[in-house]
């Protein structure tokens, strides 16, 4: 049963990572193509969130590979 919980966490993480990547792409595009300066701040914030999510993914992935 523990493997299922890890798999759920991995799937949840992937959903969150993909959503955050989309947010980053949207905000970065707004900054570069439309010149919206506030979008730059939102894009930078998104990179920080991605960093956290990717670290968590690495942690879960390593735990899963040890099983």
PDB file of N, CA and C in Angstrom:
ATOM      1  N   UNK A   1       0.821  -1.189   0.000  1.00  0.00           N
ATOM      2  CA  UNK A   1       0.000   0.000   0.000  1.00  0.00           C
ATOM      3  C   UNK A   1       0.870   1.261   0.000  1.00  0.00           C
ATOM      4  N   UNK A   2       2.010   1.201   0.618  1.00  0.00           N
ATOM      5  CA  UNK A   2       2.880   2.367   0.659  1.00  0.00           C
ATOM      6  C   UNK A   2       3.332   2.770  -0.742  1.00  0.00           C
ATOM      7  N   UNK A   3       3.575   1.790  -1.596  1.00  0.00           N
ATOM      8  CA  UNK A   3       3.973   2.084  -2.969  1.00  0.00           C
ATOM      9  C   UNK A   3       2.896   2.898  -3.672  1.00  0.00           C
ATOM     10  N   UNK A   4       1.630   2.564  -3.425  1.00  0.00           N
ATOM     11  CA  UNK A   4       0.535   3.318  -4.024  1.00  0.00           C
ATOM     12  C   UNK A   4       0.542   4.767  -3.547  1.00  0.00           C
ATOM     13  N   UNK A   5       0.809   4.987  -2.268  1.00  0.00           N
ATOM     14  CA  UNK A   5       0.849   6.352  -1.747  1.00  0.00           C
ATOM     15  C   UNK A   5       1.957   7.150  -2.409  1.00  0.00           C
ATOM     16  N   UNK A   6       3.112   6.516  -2.607  1.00  0.00           N
ATOM     17  CA  UNK A   6       4.220   7.187  -3.269  1.00  0.00           C
ATOM     18  C   UNK A   6       3.849   7.497  -4.709  1.00  0.00           C
ATOM     19  N   UNK A   7       3.202   6.560  -5.371  1.00  0.00           N
ATOM     20  CA  UNK A   7       2.790   6.774  -6.752  1.00  0.00           C
ATOM     21  C   UNK A   7       1.813   7.938  -6.847  1.00  0.00           C
ATOM     22  N   UNK A   8       0.880   8.005  -5.896  1.00  0.00           N
ATOM     23  CA  UNK A   8      -0.074   9.111  -5.882  1.00  0.00           C
ATOM     24  C   UNK A   8       0.682  10.423  -5.687  1.00  0.00           C
ATOM     25  N   UNK A   9       1.621  10.433  -4.761  1.00  0.00           N
ATOM     26  CA  UNK A   9       2.410  11.642  -4.530  1.00  0.00           C
ATOM     27  C   UNK A   9       3.180  12.036  -5.784  1.00  0.00           C
ATOM     28  N   UNK A  10       3.737  11.031  -6.478  1.00  0.00           N
ATOM     29  CA  UNK A  10       4.499  11.284  -7.694  1.00  0.00           C
ATOM     30  C   UNK A  10       3.562  11.869  -8.755  1.00  0.00           C
ATOM     31  N   UNK A  11       2.378  11.288  -8.897  1.00  0.00           N
ATOM     32  CA  UNK A  11       1.422  11.797  -9.887  1.00  0.00           C
ATOM     33  C   UNK A  11       0.981  13.217  -9.530  1.00  0.00           C
ATOM     34  N   UNK A  12       0.700  13.449  -8.251  1.00  0.00           N
ATOM     35  CA  UNK A  12       0.306  14.787  -7.805  1.00  0.00           C
ATOM     36  C   UNK A  12       1.414  15.798  -8.078  1.00  0.00           C
ATOM     37  N   UNK A  13       2.641  15.391  -7.809  1.00  0.00           N
ATOM     38  CA  UNK A  13       3.780  16.276  -8.058  1.00  0.00           C
ATOM     39  C   UNK A  13       3.892  16.611  -9.540  1.00  0.00           C
ATOM     40  N   UNK A  14       3.714  15.611 -10.388  1.00  0.00           N
ATOM     41  CA  UNK A  14       3.807  15.851 -11.825  1.00  0.00           C
ATOM     42  C   UNK A  14       2.730  16.821 -12.296  1.00  0.00           C
ATOM     43  N   UNK A  15       1.530  16.683 -11.754  1.00  0.00           N
ATOM     44  CA  UNK A  15       0.451  17.607 -12.107  1.00  0.00           C
ATOM     45  C   UNK A  15       0.816  19.025 -11.675  1.00  0.00           C
ATOM     46  N   UNK A  16       1.327  19.159 -10.452  1.00  0.00           N
ATOM     47  CA  UNK A  16       1.707  20.478  -9.940  1.00  0.00           C
ATOM     48  C   UNK A  16       2.857  21.073 -10.742  1.00  0.00           C
ATOM     49  N   UNK A  17       3.845  20.249 -11.073  1.00  0.00           N
ATOM     50  CA  UNK A  17       4.999  20.722 -11.846  1.00  0.00           C
ATOM     51  C   UNK A  17       4.550  21.201 -13.218  1.00  0.00           C
ATOM     52  N   UNK A  18       3.725  20.410 -13.884  1.00  0.00           N
ATOM     53  CA  UNK A  18       3.247  20.808 -15.215  1.00  0.00           C
ATOM     54  C   UNK A  18       2.426  22.087 -15.160  1.00  0.00           C
ATOM     55  N   UNK A  19       1.594  22.236 -14.139  1.00  0.00           N
ATOM     56  CA  UNK A  19       0.794  23.449 -13.995  1.00  0.00           C
ATOM     57  C   UNK A  19       1.695  24.666 -13.765  1.00  0.00           C
ATOM     58  N   UNK A  20       2.718  24.491 -12.943  1.00  0.00           N
ATOM     59  CA  UNK A  20       3.631  25.607 -12.659  1.00  0.00           C
ATOM     60  C   UNK A  20       4.458  25.975 -13.881  1.00  0.00           C
ATOM     61  N   UNK A  21       4.827  24.979 -14.684  1.00  0.00           N
ATOM     62  CA  UNK A  21       5.555  25.254 -15.926  1.00  0.00           C
ATOM     63  C   UNK A  21       4.685  26.083 -16.862  1.00  0.00           C
ATOM     64  N   UNK A  22       3.419  25.741 -16.944  1.00  0.00           N
ATOM     65  CA  UNK A  22       2.494  26.504 -17.787  1.00  0.00           C
ATOM     66  C   UNK A  22       2.357  27.947 -17.287  1.00  0.00           C
ATOM     67  N   UNK A  23       2.274  28.097 -15.970  1.00  0.00           N
ATOM     68  CA  UNK A  23       2.196  29.440 -15.387  1.00  0.00           C
ATOM     69  C   UNK A  23       3.445  30.241 -15.748  1.00  0.00           C
ATOM     70  N   UNK A  24       4.606  29.613 -15.583  1.00  0.00           N
ATOM     71  CA  UNK A  24       5.856  30.287 -15.910  1.00  0.00           C
ATOM     72  C   UNK A  24       5.881  30.699 -17.382  1.00  0.00           C
ATOM     73  N   UNK A  25       5.509  29.784 -18.271  1.00  0.00           N
ATOM     74  CA  UNK A  25       5.529  30.082 -19.699  1.00  0.00           C
ATOM     75  C   UNK A  25       4.614  31.257 -20.034  1.00  0.00           C
ATOM     76  N   UNK A  26       3.431  31.270 -19.444  1.00  0.00           N
ATOM     77  CA  UNK A  26       2.474  32.344 -19.689  1.00  0.00           C
ATOM     78  C   UNK A  26       3.025  33.690 -19.221  1.00  0.00           C
ATOM     79  N   UNK A  27       3.553  33.703 -18.003  1.00  0.00           N
ATOM     80  CA  UNK A  27       4.065  34.958 -17.441  1.00  0.00           C
ATOM     81  C   UNK A  27       5.319  35.428 -18.170  1.00  0.00           C
ATOM     82  N   UNK A  28       6.214  34.510 -18.497  1.00  0.00           N
ATOM     83  CA  UNK A  28       7.435  34.888 -19.212  1.00  0.00           C
ATOM     84  C   UNK A  28       7.096  35.427 -20.598  1.00  0.00           C
ATOM     85  N   UNK A  29       6.108  34.838 -21.228  1.00  0.00           N
ATOM     86  CA  UNK A  29       5.669  35.310 -22.539  1.00  0.00           C
ATOM     87  C   UNK A  29       5.071  36.710 -22.436  1.00  0.00           C
ATOM     88  N   UNK A  30       4.276  36.935 -21.402  1.00  0.00           N
ATOM     89  CA  UNK A  30       3.692  38.267 -21.190  1.00  0.00           C
ATOM     90  C   UNK A  30       4.778  39.317 -21.000  1.00  0.00           C
ATOM     91  N   UNK A  31       5.826  38.933 -20.294  1.00  0.00           N
ATOM     92  CA  UNK A  31       6.941  39.856 -20.066  1.00  0.00           C
ATOM     93  C   UNK A  31       7.688  40.148 -21.365  1.00  0.00           C
ATOM     94  N   UNK A  32       8.069  39.099 -22.069  1.00  0.00           N
ATOM     95  CA  UNK A  32       8.928  39.281 -23.240  1.00  0.00           C
ATOM     96  C   UNK A  32       8.187  39.806 -24.456  1.00  0.00           C
ATOM     97  N   UNK A  33       6.951  39.356 -24.660  1.00  0.00           N
ATOM     98  CA  UNK A  33       6.242  39.747 -25.870  1.00  0.00           C
ATOM     99  C   UNK A  33       5.383  40.993 -25.695  1.00  0.00           C
ATOM    100  N   UNK A  34       4.839  41.167 -24.498  1.00  0.00           N
ATOM    101  CA  UNK A  34       3.934  42.295 -24.272  1.00  0.00           C
ATOM    102  C   UNK A  34       4.548  43.382 -23.402  1.00  0.00           C
ATOM    103  N   UNK A  35       5.689  43.070 -22.789  1.00  0.00           N
ATOM    104  CA  UNK A  35       6.373  44.061 -21.971  1.00  0.00           C
ATOM    105  C   UNK A  35       5.699  44.351 -20.635  1.00  0.00           C
ATOM    106  N   UNK A  36       4.929  43.398 -20.147  1.00  0.00           N
ATOM    107  CA  UNK A  36       4.241  43.585 -18.870  1.00  0.00           C
ATOM    108  C   UNK A  36       5.229  43.282 -17.735  1.00  0.00           C
ATOM    109  N   UNK A  37       5.694  44.333 -17.072  1.00  0.00           N
ATOM    110  CA  UNK A  37       6.726  44.179 -16.054  1.00  0.00           C
ATOM    111  C   UNK A  37       6.274  43.336 -14.864  1.00  0.00           C
ATOM    112  N   UNK A  38       5.032  43.448 -14.473  1.00  0.00           N
ATOM    113  CA  UNK A  38       4.520  42.659 -13.340  1.00  0.00           C
ATOM    114  C   UNK A  38       4.574  41.167 -13.645  1.00  0.00           C
ATOM    115  N   UNK A  39       4.471  40.820 -14.919  1.00  0.00           N
ATOM    116  CA  UNK A  39       4.553  39.413 -15.308  1.00  0.00           C
ATOM    117  C   UNK A  39       5.947  38.857 -15.016  1.00  0.00           C
ATOM    118  N   UNK A  40       6.951  39.697 -15.069  1.00  0.00           N
ATOM    119  CA  UNK A  40       8.317  39.272 -14.739  1.00  0.00           C
ATOM    120  C   UNK A  40       8.417  38.835 -13.294  1.00  0.00           C
ATOM    121  N   UNK A  41       7.789  39.592 -12.403  1.00  0.00           N
ATOM    122  CA  UNK A  41       7.790  39.222 -10.982  1.00  0.00           C
ATOM    123  C   UNK A  41       7.048  37.907 -10.770  1.00  0.00           C
ATOM    124  N   UNK A  42       5.936  37.747 -11.477  1.00  0.00           N
ATOM    125  CA  UNK A  42       5.174  36.499 -11.345  1.00  0.00           C
ATOM    126  C   UNK A  42       5.960  35.318 -11.920  1.00  0.00           C
ATOM    127  N   UNK A  43       6.683  35.529 -12.997  1.00  0.00           N
ATOM    128  CA  UNK A  43       7.504  34.474 -13.592  1.00  0.00           C
ATOM    129  C   UNK A  43       8.627  34.075 -12.636  1.00  0.00           C
ATOM    130  N   UNK A  44       9.248  35.060 -12.006  1.00  0.00           N
ATOM    131  CA  UNK A  44      10.317  34.754 -11.046  1.00  0.00           C
ATOM    132  C   UNK A  44       9.771  33.985  -9.853  1.00  0.00           C
ATOM    133  N   UNK A  45       8.599  34.374  -9.378  1.00  0.00           N
ATOM    134  CA  UNK A  45       7.967  33.658  -8.279  1.00  0.00           C
ATOM    135  C   UNK A  45       7.686  32.212  -8.683  1.00  0.00           C
ATOM    136  N   UNK A  46       7.269  32.032  -9.907  1.00  0.00           N
ATOM    137  CA  UNK A  46       6.980  30.701 -10.427  1.00  0.00           C
ATOM    138  C   UNK A  46       8.241  29.828 -10.458  1.00  0.00           C
ATOM    139  N   UNK A  47       9.389  30.441 -10.771  1.00  0.00           N
ATOM    140  CA  UNK A  47      10.636  29.662 -10.800  1.00  0.00           C
ATOM    141  C   UNK A  47      10.996  29.157  -9.406  1.00  0.00           C
ATOM    142  N   UNK A  48      10.704  29.960  -8.390  1.00  0.00           N
ATOM    143  CA  UNK A  48      10.970  29.529  -7.018  1.00  0.00           C
ATOM    144  C   UNK A  48      10.080  28.350  -6.636  1.00  0.00           C
ATOM    145  N   UNK A  49       8.833  28.404  -7.042  1.00  0.00           N
ATOM    146  CA  UNK A  49       7.905  27.308  -6.766  1.00  0.00           C
ATOM    147  C   UNK A  49       8.319  26.052  -7.527  1.00  0.00           C
ATOM    148  N   UNK A  50       8.758  26.228  -8.764  1.00  0.00           N
ATOM    149  CA  UNK A  50       9.243  25.085  -9.544  1.00  0.00           C
ATOM    150  C   UNK A  50      10.450  24.438  -8.875  1.00  0.00           C
ATOM    151  N   UNK A  51      11.328  25.263  -8.361  1.00  0.00           N
ATOM    152  CA  UNK A  51      12.514  24.741  -7.677  1.00  0.00           C
ATOM    153  C   UNK A  51      12.108  23.837  -6.516  1.00  0.00           C
ATOM    154  N   UNK A  52      11.150  24.281  -5.718  1.00  0.00           N
ATOM    155  CA  UNK A  52      10.669  23.482  -4.586  1.00  0.00           C
ATOM    156  C   UNK A  52      10.045  22.173  -5.058  1.00  0.00           C
ATOM    157  N   UNK A  53       9.204  22.273  -6.084  1.00  0.00           N
ATOM    158  CA  UNK A  53       8.521  21.080  -6.591  1.00  0.00           C
ATOM    159  C   UNK A  53       9.506  20.075  -7.182  1.00  0.00           C
ATOM    160  N   UNK A  54      10.502  20.568  -7.898  1.00  0.00           N
ATOM    161  CA  UNK A  54      11.482  19.672  -8.500  1.00  0.00           C
ATOM    162  C   UNK A  54      12.349  18.999  -7.443  1.00  0.00           C
ATOM    163  N   UNK A  55      12.667  19.706  -6.377  1.00  0.00           N
ATOM    164  CA  UNK A  55      13.416  19.093  -5.273  1.00  0.00           C
ATOM    165  C   UNK A  55      12.584  17.995  -4.615  1.00  0.00           C
ATOM    166  N   UNK A  56      11.295  18.255  -4.442  1.00  0.00           N
ATOM    167  CA  UNK A  56      10.402  17.257  -3.859  1.00  0.00           C
ATOM    168  C   UNK A  56      10.282  16.046  -4.782  1.00  0.00           C
ATOM    169  N   UNK A  57      10.204  16.286  -6.080  1.00  0.00           N
ATOM    170  CA  UNK A  57      10.148  15.189  -7.045  1.00  0.00           C
ATOM    171  C   UNK A  57      11.393  14.321  -6.933  1.00  0.00           C
ATOM    172  N   UNK A  58      12.547  14.967  -6.839  1.00  0.00           N
ATOM    173  CA  UNK A  58      13.808  14.221  -6.718  1.00  0.00           C
ATOM    174  C   UNK A  58      13.793  13.363  -5.460  1.00  0.00           C
ATOM    175  N   UNK A  59      13.342  13.929  -4.354  1.00  0.00           N
ATOM    176  CA  UNK A  59      13.284  13.216  -3.084  1.00  0.00           C
ATOM    177  C   UNK A  59      12.372  11.985  -3.188  1.00  0.00           C
ATOM    178  N   UNK A  60      11.177  12.173  -3.721  1.00  0.00           N
ATOM    179  CA  UNK A  60      10.222  11.074  -3.854  1.00  0.00           C
ATOM    180  C   UNK A  60      10.747  10.029  -4.827  1.00  0.00           C
ATOM    181  N   UNK A  61      11.350  10.469  -5.891  1.00  0.00           N
ATOM    182  CA  UNK A  61      11.894   9.559  -6.888  1.00  0.00           C
ATOM    183  C   UNK A  61      13.005   8.681  -6.301  1.00  0.00           C
ATOM    184  N   UNK A  62      13.862   9.270  -5.501  1.00  0.00           N
ATOM    185  CA  UNK A  62      14.949   8.515  -4.873  1.00  0.00           C
ATOM    186  C   UNK A  62      14.372   7.509  -3.890  1.00  0.00           C
ATOM    187  N   UNK A  63      13.389   7.919  -3.096  1.00  0.00           N
ATOM    188  CA  UNK A  63      12.757   7.011  -2.150  1.00  0.00           C
ATOM    189  C   UNK A  63      12.118   5.833  -2.873  1.00  0.00           C
ATOM    190  N   UNK A  64      11.466   6.119  -3.980  1.00  0.00           N
ATOM    191  CA  UNK A  64      10.791   5.069  -4.745  1.00  0.00           C
ATOM    192  C   UNK A  64      11.799   4.104  -5.359  1.00  0.00           C
ATOM    193  N   UNK A  65      12.937   4.599  -5.788  1.00  0.00           N
ATOM    194  CA  UNK A  65      13.926   3.737  -6.440  1.00  0.00           C
ATOM    195  C   UNK A  65      14.606   2.794  -5.434  1.00  0.00           C
ATOM    196  N   UNK A  66      14.527   3.112  -4.164  1.00  0.00           N
ATOM    197  CA  UNK A  66      15.143   2.263  -3.141  1.00  0.00           C
ATOM    198  C   UNK A  66      14.275   1.057  -2.790  1.00  0.00           C
ATOM    199  N   UNK A  67      13.048   1.034  -3.277  1.00  0.00           N
ATOM    200  CA  UNK A  67      12.122  -0.062  -2.947  1.00  0.00           C
ATOM    201  C   UNK A  67      12.327  -1.255  -3.824  1.00  0.00           C
TER     202      UNK A  67
END
